[in-house]
Protein backbone atom coordinates (compact mmCIF):
# COMPACT_ATOMS: atom_id res chain seq x y z
CA UNK A 1 0.00 0.00 0.00
CA UNK A 2 1.19 3.50 -0.73
CA UNK A 3 -0.14 7.03 -0.67
CA UNK A 4 1.35 8.34 -3.91
CA UNK A 5 0.99 11.19 -6.37
CA UNK A 6 -1.59 10.34 -9.06
CA UNK A 7 0.80 11.12 -11.92
CA UNK A 8 3.08 8.38 -10.63
CA UNK A 9 0.51 5.63 -10.17
CA UNK A 10 -2.34 6.29 -12.61
CA UNK A 11 -0.51 4.90 -15.66
CA UNK A 12 -0.08 1.64 -13.71
CA UNK A 13 -3.71 1.68 -12.57
CA UNK A 14 -4.88 2.26 -16.15
CA UNK A 15 -2.64 -0.60 -17.36
CA UNK A 16 -4.11 -2.94 -14.74
CA UNK A 17 -0.82 -3.39 -12.83
CA UNK A 18 -2.10 -1.59 -9.71
CA UNK A 19 -5.49 -1.16 -8.09
CA UNK A 20 -6.41 2.25 -6.75
CA UNK A 21 -8.33 1.73 -3.52
CA UNK A 22 -9.02 5.38 -2.73
CA UNK A 23 -7.91 8.93 -3.34
CA UNK A 24 -6.52 11.15 -0.62
CA UNK A 25 -8.13 14.24 -2.10
CA UNK A 26 -11.19 15.92 -0.58
CA UNK A 27 -13.34 14.97 -3.57
CA UNK A 28 -13.10 12.34 -6.25
CA UNK A 29 -10.56 13.25 -8.92
CA UNK A 30 -12.04 14.55 -12.17
CA UNK A 31 -9.70 12.24 -14.11
CA UNK A 32 -10.80 9.18 -12.09
CA UNK A 33 -14.36 9.68 -10.82
CA UNK A 34 -14.77 5.95 -10.13
CA UNK A 35 -12.08 6.03 -7.42
CA UNK A 36 -13.65 6.89 -4.04
CA UNK A 37 -11.95 9.13 -1.51
CA UNK A 38 -10.40 7.83 1.71
CA UNK A 39 -12.98 9.98 3.53
CA UNK A 40 -15.77 8.08 1.77
CA UNK A 41 -14.53 4.57 2.49
CA UNK A 42 -12.51 4.73 5.69
CA UNK A 43 -11.84 7.99 7.52
CA UNK A 44 -14.47 10.74 7.30
CA UNK A 45 -12.79 14.14 7.03
CA UNK A 46 -9.47 12.70 5.77
CA UNK A 47 -7.67 14.75 3.15
CA UNK A 48 -4.09 14.45 1.97
CA UNK A 49 -3.32 15.92 -1.39
CA UNK A 50 -0.43 17.45 -3.24
CA UNK A 51 -0.70 21.13 -4.07
CA UNK A 52 1.48 23.77 -5.60
CA UNK A 53 1.25 27.50 -5.04
CA UNK A 54 2.97 30.73 -5.85
CA UNK A 55 4.66 32.71 -3.10
CA UNK A 56 6.63 35.93 -3.08
CA UNK A 57 9.05 37.46 -0.60
CA UNK A 58 7.65 39.51 2.26
CA UNK A 59 7.41 43.14 1.25
CA UNK A 60 6.55 42.44 -2.39
CA UNK A 61 4.32 45.32 -3.53
CA UNK A 62 0.60 44.53 -3.35
CA UNK A 63 0.18 45.48 -7.05
CA UNK A 64 2.74 42.83 -8.03
CA UNK A 65 1.02 40.21 -5.86
CA UNK A 66 -2.36 41.04 -7.38
CA UNK A 67 -0.97 40.88 -10.93
CA UNK A 68 0.55 37.46 -10.23
CA UNK A 69 -2.73 36.23 -8.71
CA UNK A 70 -4.87 37.46 -11.60
CA UNK A 71 -2.50 36.01 -14.20
CA UNK A 72 -2.14 32.66 -12.42
CA UNK A 73 -5.89 32.29 -11.88
CA UNK A 74 -6.56 33.11 -15.53
CA UNK A 75 -4.02 30.50 -16.63
CA UNK A 76 -5.66 27.88 -14.39
CA UNK A 77 -8.93 28.42 -16.27
CA UNK A 78 -7.31 27.86 -19.67
CA UNK A 79 -8.43 24.63 -21.34
CA UNK A 80 -4.84 23.98 -22.41
CA UNK A 81 -3.50 24.31 -18.86
CA UNK A 82 -6.37 22.24 -17.44
CA UNK A 83 -5.66 19.47 -19.98
CA UNK A 84 -1.91 19.48 -19.27
CA UNK A 85 -2.48 19.35 -15.52
CA UNK A 86 -5.04 16.56 -15.89
CA UNK A 87 -2.58 14.55 -17.98
CA UNK A 88 -0.23 14.65 -14.99
CA UNK A 89 -2.96 13.79 -12.48
CA UNK A 90 -3.50 17.30 -11.12
CA UNK A 91 -6.58 19.49 -10.93
CA UNK A 92 -6.33 23.29 -10.89
CA UNK A 93 -7.78 25.11 -7.90
CA UNK A 94 -6.83 28.75 -8.07
CA UNK A 95 -8.29 31.23 -5.64
CA UNK A 96 -7.42 34.22 -3.56
CA UNK A 97 -4.40 34.97 -1.37
CA UNK A 98 -6.64 34.55 1.65
CA UNK A 99 -7.86 31.12 0.53
CA UNK A 100 -4.28 30.00 -0.05
CA UNK A 101 -3.25 31.26 3.39
CA UNK A 102 -6.16 29.31 4.92
CA UNK A 103 -5.10 26.15 3.05
CA UNK A 104 -1.58 26.47 4.46
CA UNK A 105 -2.87 27.20 7.98
CA UNK A 106 -5.18 24.16 7.94
CA UNK A 107 -2.31 21.99 6.75
CA UNK A 108 -0.06 23.22 9.55
CA UNK A 109 -2.68 22.28 12.15
CA UNK A 110 -3.40 18.90 10.57
CA UNK A 111 0.20 17.83 10.12
CA UNK A 112 1.32 19.16 13.53
CA UNK A 113 -1.38 16.98 15.11
CA UNK A 114 -0.31 13.99 12.98
CA UNK A 115 3.34 14.47 14.00
CA UNK A 116 2.38 14.73 17.67
CA UNK A 117 0.18 11.60 17.44
CA UNK A 118 3.11 9.75 15.85
CA UNK A 119 5.36 10.80 18.74
CA UNK A 120 7.60 12.98 16.59
CA UNK A 121 9.50 15.81 18.24
CA UNK A 122 10.77 19.11 16.95
C-alpha atoms as a PDB file:
ATOM      1  CA  UNK A   1       0.000   0.000   0.000  1.00  0.00           C
ATOM      2  CA  UNK A   2       1.191   3.501  -0.733  1.00  0.00           C
ATOM      3  CA  UNK A   3      -0.137   7.026  -0.668  1.00  0.00           C
ATOM      4  CA  UNK A   4       1.352   8.341  -3.906  1.00  0.00           C
ATOM      5  CA  UNK A   5       0.985  11.186  -6.368  1.00  0.00           C
ATOM      6  CA  UNK A   6      -1.590  10.338  -9.059  1.00  0.00           C
ATOM      7  CA  UNK A   7       0.795  11.115 -11.918  1.00  0.00           C
ATOM      8  CA  UNK A   8       3.082   8.376 -10.627  1.00  0.00           C
ATOM      9  CA  UNK A   9       0.515   5.629 -10.165  1.00  0.00           C
ATOM     10  CA  UNK A  10      -2.340   6.292 -12.606  1.00  0.00           C
ATOM     11  CA  UNK A  11      -0.507   4.899 -15.659  1.00  0.00           C
ATOM     12  CA  UNK A  12      -0.082   1.639 -13.709  1.00  0.00           C
ATOM     13  CA  UNK A  13      -3.713   1.685 -12.575  1.00  0.00           C
ATOM     14  CA  UNK A  14      -4.880   2.257 -16.146  1.00  0.00           C
ATOM     15  CA  UNK A  15      -2.644  -0.598 -17.365  1.00  0.00           C
ATOM     16  CA  UNK A  16      -4.106  -2.940 -14.742  1.00  0.00           C
ATOM     17  CA  UNK A  17      -0.823  -3.385 -12.831  1.00  0.00           C
ATOM     18  CA  UNK A  18      -2.101  -1.587  -9.710  1.00  0.00           C
ATOM     19  CA  UNK A  19      -5.490  -1.165  -8.092  1.00  0.00           C
ATOM     20  CA  UNK A  20      -6.410   2.250  -6.749  1.00  0.00           C
ATOM     21  CA  UNK A  21      -8.333   1.727  -3.519  1.00  0.00           C
ATOM     22  CA  UNK A  22      -9.024   5.378  -2.733  1.00  0.00           C
ATOM     23  CA  UNK A  23      -7.910   8.931  -3.341  1.00  0.00           C
ATOM     24  CA  UNK A  24      -6.518  11.151  -0.620  1.00  0.00           C
ATOM     25  CA  UNK A  25      -8.131  14.244  -2.102  1.00  0.00           C
ATOM     26  CA  UNK A  26     -11.189  15.924  -0.577  1.00  0.00           C
ATOM     27  CA  UNK A  27     -13.338  14.972  -3.572  1.00  0.00           C
ATOM     28  CA  UNK A  28     -13.096  12.335  -6.254  1.00  0.00           C
ATOM     29  CA  UNK A  29     -10.558  13.251  -8.917  1.00  0.00           C
ATOM     30  CA  UNK A  30     -12.039  14.555 -12.166  1.00  0.00           C
ATOM     31  CA  UNK A  31      -9.702  12.245 -14.107  1.00  0.00           C
ATOM     32  CA  UNK A  32     -10.797   9.183 -12.087  1.00  0.00           C
ATOM     33  CA  UNK A  33     -14.362   9.678 -10.819  1.00  0.00           C
ATOM     34  CA  UNK A  34     -14.770   5.948 -10.126  1.00  0.00           C
ATOM     35  CA  UNK A  35     -12.075   6.035  -7.420  1.00  0.00           C
ATOM     36  CA  UNK A  36     -13.648   6.890  -4.045  1.00  0.00           C
ATOM     37  CA  UNK A  37     -11.950   9.125  -1.506  1.00  0.00           C
ATOM     38  CA  UNK A  38     -10.404   7.831   1.711  1.00  0.00           C
ATOM     39  CA  UNK A  39     -12.980   9.982   3.528  1.00  0.00           C
ATOM     40  CA  UNK A  40     -15.772   8.083   1.768  1.00  0.00           C
ATOM     41  CA  UNK A  41     -14.527   4.573   2.485  1.00  0.00           C
ATOM     42  CA  UNK A  42     -12.508   4.729   5.687  1.00  0.00           C
ATOM     43  CA  UNK A  43     -11.841   7.993   7.524  1.00  0.00           C
ATOM     44  CA  UNK A  44     -14.466  10.741   7.300  1.00  0.00           C
ATOM     45  CA  UNK A  45     -12.788  14.135   7.027  1.00  0.00           C
ATOM     46  CA  UNK A  46      -9.475  12.701   5.767  1.00  0.00           C
ATOM     47  CA  UNK A  47      -7.668  14.750   3.150  1.00  0.00           C
ATOM     48  CA  UNK A  48      -4.093  14.445   1.966  1.00  0.00           C
ATOM     49  CA  UNK A  49      -3.320  15.917  -1.395  1.00  0.00           C
ATOM     50  CA  UNK A  50      -0.429  17.452  -3.244  1.00  0.00           C
ATOM     51  CA  UNK A  51      -0.698  21.135  -4.068  1.00  0.00           C
ATOM     52  CA  UNK A  52       1.484  23.769  -5.601  1.00  0.00           C
ATOM     53  CA  UNK A  53       1.250  27.498  -5.043  1.00  0.00           C
ATOM     54  CA  UNK A  54       2.971  30.734  -5.852  1.00  0.00           C
ATOM     55  CA  UNK A  55       4.656  32.707  -3.100  1.00  0.00           C
ATOM     56  CA  UNK A  56       6.627  35.930  -3.082  1.00  0.00           C
ATOM     57  CA  UNK A  57       9.052  37.458  -0.599  1.00  0.00           C
ATOM     58  CA  UNK A  58       7.654  39.509   2.264  1.00  0.00           C
ATOM     59  CA  UNK A  59       7.410  43.137   1.247  1.00  0.00           C
ATOM     60  CA  UNK A  60       6.551  42.444  -2.394  1.00  0.00           C
ATOM     61  CA  UNK A  61       4.317  45.319  -3.533  1.00  0.00           C
ATOM     62  CA  UNK A  62       0.601  44.534  -3.350  1.00  0.00           C
ATOM     63  CA  UNK A  63       0.180  45.476  -7.046  1.00  0.00           C
ATOM     64  CA  UNK A  64       2.741  42.827  -8.028  1.00  0.00           C
ATOM     65  CA  UNK A  65       1.019  40.209  -5.857  1.00  0.00           C
ATOM     66  CA  UNK A  66      -2.364  41.040  -7.383  1.00  0.00           C
ATOM     67  CA  UNK A  67      -0.966  40.884 -10.931  1.00  0.00           C
ATOM     68  CA  UNK A  68       0.550  37.463 -10.233  1.00  0.00           C
ATOM     69  CA  UNK A  69      -2.726  36.227  -8.712  1.00  0.00           C
ATOM     70  CA  UNK A  70      -4.872  37.461 -11.604  1.00  0.00           C
ATOM     71  CA  UNK A  71      -2.497  36.011 -14.195  1.00  0.00           C
ATOM     72  CA  UNK A  72      -2.140  32.659 -12.424  1.00  0.00           C
ATOM     73  CA  UNK A  73      -5.892  32.292 -11.877  1.00  0.00           C
ATOM     74  CA  UNK A  74      -6.565  33.114 -15.527  1.00  0.00           C
ATOM     75  CA  UNK A  75      -4.024  30.496 -16.626  1.00  0.00           C
ATOM     76  CA  UNK A  76      -5.656  27.885 -14.390  1.00  0.00           C
ATOM     77  CA  UNK A  77      -8.932  28.423 -16.273  1.00  0.00           C
ATOM     78  CA  UNK A  78      -7.308  27.862 -19.672  1.00  0.00           C
ATOM     79  CA  UNK A  79      -8.429  24.633 -21.341  1.00  0.00           C
ATOM     80  CA  UNK A  80      -4.840  23.980 -22.412  1.00  0.00           C
ATOM     81  CA  UNK A  81      -3.497  24.313 -18.856  1.00  0.00           C
ATOM     82  CA  UNK A  82      -6.370  22.242 -17.443  1.00  0.00           C
ATOM     83  CA  UNK A  83      -5.659  19.469 -19.980  1.00  0.00           C
ATOM     84  CA  UNK A  84      -1.912  19.479 -19.270  1.00  0.00           C
ATOM     85  CA  UNK A  85      -2.477  19.355 -15.524  1.00  0.00           C
ATOM     86  CA  UNK A  86      -5.041  16.556 -15.891  1.00  0.00           C
ATOM     87  CA  UNK A  87      -2.578  14.550 -17.983  1.00  0.00           C
ATOM     88  CA  UNK A  88      -0.231  14.645 -14.989  1.00  0.00           C
ATOM     89  CA  UNK A  89      -2.963  13.791 -12.479  1.00  0.00           C
ATOM     90  CA  UNK A  90      -3.503  17.296 -11.125  1.00  0.00           C
ATOM     91  CA  UNK A  91      -6.576  19.493 -10.930  1.00  0.00           C
ATOM     92  CA  UNK A  92      -6.327  23.287 -10.887  1.00  0.00           C
ATOM     93  CA  UNK A  93      -7.775  25.111  -7.898  1.00  0.00           C
ATOM     94  CA  UNK A  94      -6.827  28.752  -8.075  1.00  0.00           C
ATOM     95  CA  UNK A  95      -8.293  31.227  -5.638  1.00  0.00           C
ATOM     96  CA  UNK A  96      -7.418  34.219  -3.560  1.00  0.00           C
ATOM     97  CA  UNK A  97      -4.396  34.972  -1.370  1.00  0.00           C
ATOM     98  CA  UNK A  98      -6.637  34.549   1.648  1.00  0.00           C
ATOM     99  CA  UNK A  99      -7.856  31.115   0.534  1.00  0.00           C
ATOM    100  CA  UNK A 100      -4.278  29.996  -0.050  1.00  0.00           C
ATOM    101  CA  UNK A 101      -3.247  31.257   3.392  1.00  0.00           C
ATOM    102  CA  UNK A 102      -6.158  29.305   4.917  1.00  0.00           C
ATOM    103  CA  UNK A 103      -5.100  26.151   3.054  1.00  0.00           C
ATOM    104  CA  UNK A 104      -1.579  26.475   4.456  1.00  0.00           C
ATOM    105  CA  UNK A 105      -2.872  27.205   7.981  1.00  0.00           C
ATOM    106  CA  UNK A 106      -5.179  24.164   7.939  1.00  0.00           C
ATOM    107  CA  UNK A 107      -2.311  21.989   6.752  1.00  0.00           C
ATOM    108  CA  UNK A 108      -0.060  23.222   9.553  1.00  0.00           C
ATOM    109  CA  UNK A 109      -2.684  22.282  12.150  1.00  0.00           C
ATOM    110  CA  UNK A 110      -3.400  18.903  10.567  1.00  0.00           C
ATOM    111  CA  UNK A 111       0.200  17.832  10.120  1.00  0.00           C
ATOM    112  CA  UNK A 112       1.316  19.160  13.528  1.00  0.00           C
ATOM    113  CA  UNK A 113      -1.382  16.975  15.107  1.00  0.00           C
ATOM    114  CA  UNK A 114      -0.305  13.992  12.982  1.00  0.00           C
ATOM    115  CA  UNK A 115       3.339  14.474  13.998  1.00  0.00           C
ATOM    116  CA  UNK A 116       2.376  14.728  17.674  1.00  0.00           C
ATOM    117  CA  UNK A 117       0.184  11.602  17.438  1.00  0.00           C
ATOM    118  CA  UNK A 118       3.114   9.745  15.849  1.00  0.00           C
ATOM    119  CA  UNK A 119       5.359  10.799  18.740  1.00  0.00           C
ATOM    120  CA  UNK A 120       7.604  12.979  16.588  1.00  0.00           C
ATOM    121  CA  UNK A 121       9.499  15.807  18.242  1.00  0.00           C
ATOM    122  CA  UNK A 122      10.770  19.110  16.949  1.00  0.00           C
END
